[in-house]
C-alpha atoms as a PDB file:
ATOM      1  CA  ARG A   1       9.059  -1.147  -6.817  1.00  0.00           C
ATOM      2  CA  ALA A   2      12.805  -1.833  -6.702  1.00  0.00           C
ATOM      3  CA  LEU A   3      12.293  -5.078  -4.779  1.00  0.00           C
ATOM      4  CA  ASP A   4       9.474  -6.108  -7.111  1.00  0.00           C
ATOM      5  CA  GLY A   5      11.896  -5.510 -10.003  1.00  0.00           C
ATOM      6  CA  VAL A   6      14.539  -7.737  -8.428  1.00  0.00           C
ATOM      7  CA  ILE A   7      11.982 -10.476  -7.770  1.00  0.00           C
ATOM      8  CA  ALA A   8      10.504 -10.220 -11.271  1.00  0.00           C
ATOM      9  CA  CYS A   9      13.865 -10.070 -13.064  1.00  0.00           C
ATOM     10  CA  PRO A  10      13.860 -13.033 -15.484  1.00  0.00           C
ATOM     11  CA  VAL A  11      17.542 -13.791 -14.912  1.00  0.00           C
ATOM     12  CA  PRO A  12      19.112 -14.837 -11.595  1.00  0.00           C
ATOM     13  CA  VAL A  13      19.985 -12.087  -9.155  1.00  0.00           C
ATOM     14  CA  VAL A  14      22.767 -13.037  -6.739  1.00  0.00           C
ATOM     15  CA  ALA A  15      23.393 -11.041  -3.556  1.00  0.00           C
ATOM     16  CA  MET A  16      26.975 -10.893  -2.327  1.00  0.00           C
ATOM     17  CA  VAL A  17      27.033  -9.548   1.223  1.00  0.00           C
ATOM     18  CA  ALA A  18      30.105  -8.518   3.197  1.00  0.00           C
ATOM     19  CA  GLY A  19      29.349  -7.009   6.597  1.00  0.00           C
ATOM     20  CA  LEU A  20      25.998  -5.539   7.558  1.00  0.00           C
ATOM     21  CA  ALA A  21      22.723  -6.132   5.713  1.00  0.00           C
ATOM     22  CA  VAL A  22      20.284  -4.329   7.965  1.00  0.00           C
ATOM     23  CA  GLY A  23      16.874  -2.893   7.131  1.00  0.00           C
ATOM     24  CA  GLY A  24      16.690  -2.236   3.410  1.00  0.00           C
ATOM     25  CA  GLY A  25      19.918  -4.161   2.818  1.00  0.00           C
ATOM     26  CA  CYS A  26      18.467  -7.281   4.418  1.00  0.00           C
ATOM     27  CA  GLU A  27      15.228  -6.826   2.487  1.00  0.00           C
ATOM     28  CA  LEU A  28      17.113  -6.400  -0.806  1.00  0.00           C
ATOM     29  CA  ALA A  29      19.201  -9.513  -0.150  1.00  0.00           C
ATOM     30  CA  ALA A  30      15.993 -11.455   0.611  1.00  0.00           C
ATOM     31  CA  ALA A  31      14.511 -10.375  -2.734  1.00  0.00           C
ATOM     32  CA  CYS A  32      17.475 -11.884  -4.602  1.00  0.00           C
ATOM     33  CA  ASP A  33      17.489 -15.464  -5.830  1.00  0.00           C
ATOM     34  CA  VAL A  34      20.642 -16.584  -4.033  1.00  0.00           C
ATOM     35  CA  ARG A  35      22.652 -15.043  -1.209  1.00  0.00           C
ATOM     36  CA  ILE A  36      26.347 -15.715  -0.653  1.00  0.00           C
ATOM     37  CA  VAL A  37      27.806 -13.913   2.355  1.00  0.00           C
ATOM     38  CA  SER A  38      30.995 -13.427   4.298  1.00  0.00           C
ATOM     39  CA  ASP A  39      31.308 -15.132   7.662  1.00  0.00           C
ATOM     40  CA  ASP A  40      31.338 -11.761   9.421  1.00  0.00           C
ATOM     41  CA  SER A  41      28.000 -10.621   7.955  1.00  0.00           C
ATOM     42  CA  ARG A  42      25.010  -9.702  10.096  1.00  0.00           C
ATOM     43  CA  PHE A  43      21.350  -9.421   9.119  1.00  0.00           C
ATOM     44  CA  GLY A  44      18.257  -7.842  10.608  1.00  0.00           C
ATOM     45  CA  VAL A  45      15.271  -5.556  10.237  1.00  0.00           C
ATOM     46  CA  PRO A  46      15.205  -3.506  13.467  1.00  0.00           C
ATOM     47  CA  ILE A  47      12.372  -1.234  12.292  1.00  0.00           C
ATOM     48  CA  GLY A  48      10.637  -1.423  15.680  1.00  0.00           C
ATOM     49  CA  LYS A  49      13.288   1.008  16.880  1.00  0.00           C
ATOM     50  CA  LEU A  50      12.133   3.473  14.220  1.00  0.00           C
ATOM     51  CA  GLY A  51       8.395   3.082  14.618  1.00  0.00           C
ATOM     52  CA  VAL A  52       7.701   2.082  11.013  1.00  0.00           C
ATOM     53  CA  THR A  53       6.082  -0.972   9.449  1.00  0.00           C
ATOM     54  CA  LEU A  54       7.361  -3.638   7.110  1.00  0.00           C
ATOM     55  CA  GLY A  55       6.094  -3.323   3.548  1.00  0.00           C
ATOM     56  CA  HIS A  56       4.214  -6.158   1.837  1.00  0.00           C
ATOM     57  CA  THR A  57       6.960  -6.936  -0.698  1.00  0.00           C
ATOM     58  CA  GLU A  58       9.640  -6.839   1.981  1.00  0.00           C
ATOM     59  CA  ALA A  59       7.628  -9.082   4.307  1.00  0.00           C
ATOM     60  CA  ARG A  60       6.886 -11.559   1.503  1.00  0.00           C
ATOM     61  CA  ALA A  61      10.553 -11.752   0.443  1.00  0.00           C
ATOM     62  CA  LEU A  62      11.742 -12.370   3.987  1.00  0.00           C
ATOM     63  CA  ALA A  63       8.898 -14.692   5.037  1.00  0.00           C
ATOM     64  CA  ARG A  64       9.400 -16.975   2.028  1.00  0.00           C
ATOM     65  CA  LEU A  65      12.949 -17.578   3.267  1.00  0.00           C
ATOM     66  CA  ILE A  66      12.629 -17.703   7.054  1.00  0.00           C
ATOM     67  CA  GLY A  67       8.893 -18.150   7.664  1.00  0.00           C
ATOM     68  CA  PRO A  68       6.416 -15.753   9.230  1.00  0.00           C
ATOM     69  CA  GLY A  69       7.127 -16.670  12.857  1.00  0.00           C
ATOM     70  CA  ARG A  70      10.856 -16.146  12.602  1.00  0.00           C
ATOM     71  CA  LEU A  71      10.278 -12.908  10.664  1.00  0.00           C
ATOM     72  CA  LYS A  72       8.013 -11.589  13.418  1.00  0.00           C
ATOM     73  CA  GLU A  73      10.551 -12.515  16.084  1.00  0.00           C
ATOM     74  CA  LEU A  74      13.336 -10.843  14.142  1.00  0.00           C
ATOM     75  CA  VAL A  75      11.394  -7.600  13.644  1.00  0.00           C
ATOM     76  CA  PHE A  76       9.821  -7.549  17.109  1.00  0.00           C
ATOM     77  CA  SER A  77      13.158  -8.102  18.864  1.00  0.00           C
ATOM     78  CA  GLY A  78      15.243  -5.890  16.593  1.00  0.00           C
ATOM     79  CA  ARG A  79      18.182  -8.241  16.982  1.00  0.00           C
ATOM     80  CA  LEU A  80      20.722  -9.015  14.275  1.00  0.00           C
ATOM     81  CA  LEU A  81      21.571 -12.526  13.098  1.00  0.00           C
ATOM     82  CA  ASP A  82      25.177 -13.452  12.495  1.00  0.00           C
ATOM     83  CA  ALA A  83      26.022 -15.260   9.255  1.00  0.00           C
ATOM     84  CA  ALA A  84      25.818 -18.729  10.781  1.00  0.00           C
ATOM     85  CA  GLU A  85      22.400 -18.092  12.321  1.00  0.00           C
ATOM     86  CA  ALA A  86      21.172 -16.461   9.093  1.00  0.00           C
ATOM     87  CA  SER A  87      22.236 -19.585   7.221  1.00  0.00           C
ATOM     88  CA  ALA A  88      20.566 -21.911   9.714  1.00  0.00           C
ATOM     89  CA  ALA A  89      17.382 -19.830   9.449  1.00  0.00           C
ATOM     90  CA  GLY A  90      17.364 -20.118   5.643  1.00  0.00           C
ATOM     91  CA  LEU A  91      18.058 -16.446   5.032  1.00  0.00           C
ATOM     92  CA  VAL A  92      21.311 -17.132   3.179  1.00  0.00           C
ATOM     93  CA  GLU A  93      22.495 -20.077   1.107  1.00  0.00           C
ATOM     94  CA  ARG A  94      26.276 -19.904   1.525  1.00  0.00           C
ATOM     95  CA  VAL A  95      28.638 -18.509   4.139  1.00  0.00           C
ATOM     96  CA  VAL A  96      32.295 -18.202   3.173  1.00  0.00           C
ATOM     97  CA  PRO A  97      35.369 -16.558   4.680  1.00  0.00           C
ATOM     98  CA  ARG A  98      35.449 -12.862   3.784  1.00  0.00           C
ATOM     99  CA  ALA A  99      38.704 -13.315   1.841  1.00  0.00           C
ATOM    100  CA  ASP A 100      37.000 -15.910  -0.387  1.00  0.00           C
ATOM    101  CA  LEU A 101      33.735 -14.043  -0.972  1.00  0.00           C
ATOM    102  CA  HIS A 102      34.520 -12.590  -4.404  1.00  0.00           C
ATOM    103  CA  GLY A 103      36.067 -15.813  -5.706  1.00  0.00           C
ATOM    104  CA  GLU A 104      33.236 -18.024  -4.436  1.00  0.00           C
ATOM    105  CA  THR A 105      30.643 -15.653  -5.872  1.00  0.00           C
ATOM    106  CA  ALA A 106      32.429 -15.723  -9.238  1.00  0.00           C
ATOM    107  CA  LYS A 107      32.372 -19.546  -9.166  1.00  0.00           C
ATOM    108  CA  LEU A 108      28.655 -19.518  -8.435  1.00  0.00           C
ATOM    109  CA  LEU A 109      28.006 -17.115 -11.303  1.00  0.00           C
ATOM    110  CA  GLU A 110      30.100 -19.258 -13.665  1.00  0.00           C
ATOM    111  CA  SER A 111      28.036 -22.324 -12.758  1.00  0.00           C
ATOM    112  CA  ILE A 112      24.798 -20.402 -13.356  1.00  0.00           C
ATOM    113  CA  LEU A 113      26.077 -19.203 -16.731  1.00  0.00           C
ATOM    114  CA  ALA A 114      27.031 -22.780 -17.659  1.00  0.00           C
ATOM    115  CA  ALA A 115      23.502 -24.055 -17.007  1.00  0.00           C
ATOM    116  CA  ALA A 116      20.859 -24.260 -19.719  1.00  0.00           C
ATOM    117  CA  PRO A 117      19.431 -20.728 -20.019  1.00  0.00           C
ATOM    118  CA  THR A 118      15.825 -21.848 -20.399  1.00  0.00           C
ATOM    119  CA  THR A 119      16.141 -24.049 -17.326  1.00  0.00           C
ATOM    120  CA  VAL A 120      17.518 -21.181 -15.269  1.00  0.00           C
ATOM    121  CA  ARG A 121      14.731 -18.808 -16.381  1.00  0.00           C
ATOM    122  CA  SER A 122      11.984 -21.390 -15.891  1.00  0.00           C
ATOM    123  CA  VAL A 123      13.168 -22.499 -12.448  1.00  0.00           C
ATOM    124  CA  LYS A 124      13.212 -18.881 -11.342  1.00  0.00           C
ATOM    125  CA  ALA A 125       9.645 -18.388 -12.605  1.00  0.00           C
ATOM    126  CA  VAL A 126       8.328 -21.646 -11.162  1.00  0.00           C
ATOM    127  CA  THR A 127       9.837 -21.099  -7.711  1.00  0.00           C
ATOM    128  CA  GLU A 128       8.151 -17.699  -7.547  1.00  0.00           C
ATOM    129  CA  MET A 129       4.837 -19.329  -8.455  1.00  0.00           C
ATOM    130  CA  VAL A 130       4.993 -21.934  -5.697  1.00  0.00           C
ATOM    131  CA  ALA A 131       4.741 -19.178  -3.114  1.00  0.00           C
ATOM    132  CA  ARG A 132       1.241 -18.276  -4.288  1.00  0.00           C
ATOM    133  CA  GLU A 133      -1.918 -19.697  -5.824  1.00  0.00           C
ATOM    134  CA  LEU A 134      -1.498 -20.505  -9.517  1.00  0.00           C
ATOM    135  CA  THR A 135      -3.550 -18.450 -11.927  1.00  0.00           C
ATOM    136  CA  PRO A 136      -4.857 -19.798 -15.263  1.00  0.00           C
ATOM    137  CA  ARG A 137      -2.156 -17.667 -16.925  1.00  0.00           C
ATOM    138  CA  ASP A 138       0.517 -19.380 -14.780  1.00  0.00           C
ATOM    139  CA  VAL A 139      -0.741 -22.818 -15.822  1.00  0.00           C
ATOM    140  CA  GLU A 140      -0.734 -21.784 -19.482  1.00  0.00           C
ATOM    141  CA  TYR A 141       2.806 -20.422 -19.123  1.00  0.00           C
ATOM    142  CA  LEU A 142       4.081 -23.580 -17.409  1.00  0.00           C
ATOM    143  CA  THR A 143       2.485 -25.859 -19.992  1.00  0.00           C
ATOM    144  CA  GLY A 144       4.018 -23.886 -22.866  1.00  0.00           C
ATOM    145  CA  LEU A 145       7.361 -23.770 -21.127  1.00  0.00           C
ATOM    146  CA  THR A 146       7.436 -27.535 -20.629  1.00  0.00           C
ATOM    147  CA  LEU A 147       6.486 -28.231 -24.242  1.00  0.00           C
ATOM    148  CA  THR A 148       9.096 -25.759 -25.513  1.00  0.00           C
ATOM    149  CA  GLN A 149      11.857 -27.216 -23.344  1.00  0.00           C
ATOM    150  CA  TYR A 150      11.204 -30.833 -24.246  1.00  0.00           C
ATOM    151  CA  ALA A 151      11.222 -29.962 -27.932  1.00  0.00           C
ATOM    152  CA  GLY A 152      14.148 -27.552 -27.700  1.00  0.00           C
ATOM    153  CA  PRO A 153      17.846 -27.781 -28.506  1.00  0.00           C
ATOM    154  CA  GLU A 154      18.998 -27.489 -24.896  1.00  0.00           C
ATOM    155  CA  LEU A 155      17.505 -30.846 -23.902  1.00  0.00           C
ATOM    156  CA  ALA A 156      19.094 -32.505 -26.937  1.00  0.00           C
ATOM    157  CA  GLU A 157      22.478 -30.992 -26.064  1.00  0.00           C
ATOM    158  CA  GLY A 158      22.132 -31.914 -22.384  1.00  0.00           C
ATOM    159  CA  VAL A 159      21.326 -35.544 -23.196  1.00  0.00           C
ATOM    160  CA  ALA A 160      24.118 -35.778 -25.796  1.00  0.00           C
ATOM    161  CA  ALA A 161      26.637 -34.301 -23.341  1.00  0.00           C
ATOM    162  CA  PHE A 162      25.540 -36.728 -20.627  1.00  0.00           C
ATOM    163  CA  LEU A 163      25.862 -39.738 -22.952  1.00  0.00           C
ATOM    164  CA  GLU A 164      29.236 -38.509 -24.235  1.00  0.00           C
ATOM    165  CA  ARG A 165      30.442 -37.778 -20.670  1.00  0.00           C
ATOM    166  CA  ARG A 166      31.266 -34.137 -21.417  1.00  0.00           C
ATOM    167  CA  PRO A 167      30.011 -30.789 -20.139  1.00  0.00           C
ATOM    168  CA  PRO A 168      27.052 -29.434 -22.114  1.00  0.00           C
ATOM    169  CA  GLN A 169      27.640 -26.522 -24.467  1.00  0.00           C
ATOM    170  CA  PHE A 170      24.401 -24.582 -24.417  1.00  0.00           C
ATOM    171  CA  PRO A 171      23.801 -21.812 -26.940  1.00  0.00           C
ATOM    172  CA  ALA A 172      24.287 -18.261 -25.731  1.00  0.00           C
ATOM    173  CA  ARG A 173      21.307 -16.858 -23.911  1.00  0.00           C
ATOM    174  CA  ASP A 174      19.077 -14.640 -26.059  1.00  0.00           C
ATOM    175  CA  GLU A 175      18.561 -11.585 -23.863  1.00  0.00           C
ATOM    176  CA  SER A 176      15.958 -10.177 -26.239  1.00  0.00           C
ATOM    177  CA  ALA A 177      13.665 -13.028 -25.127  1.00  0.00           C
ATOM    178  CA  ASP A 178      13.618 -11.695 -21.534  1.00  0.00           C
END
């Protein structure tokens, strides 16, 4: 349920990993929206050494990033990926020197906070939907979302800022809407 909560969270969840992310730590990082890691990080799910299985949510989170074949190989072999290999496999988005990890993560968070809140929420929702078959409720949600965004103040501010060659100043995010 914890991983489902991370995946379903309407706001971005960023994993910052320094060192080992093995087993549940790797699965939790995979459930997040973005992963930024130190160059000395290592990732894996060596559950074959314990004689247990991978849960559905955990498998889905990992497979959507690295694919089912690579996931099977990773679990079957029990090996750990270093940060560079994890990045090449699609498991992590950014690898930075350990000394820069906090600063680079803060920069990423600042850029997310500067983006239009409805865009951030909708992109998170839409990217989750592409991993599965759309339901009629999904289609209804996406249609309403598109209509709301094109008629909303964020688009007007984004266009005005672009034309005036300035950064957009989006209104504060209304957390009660989440």
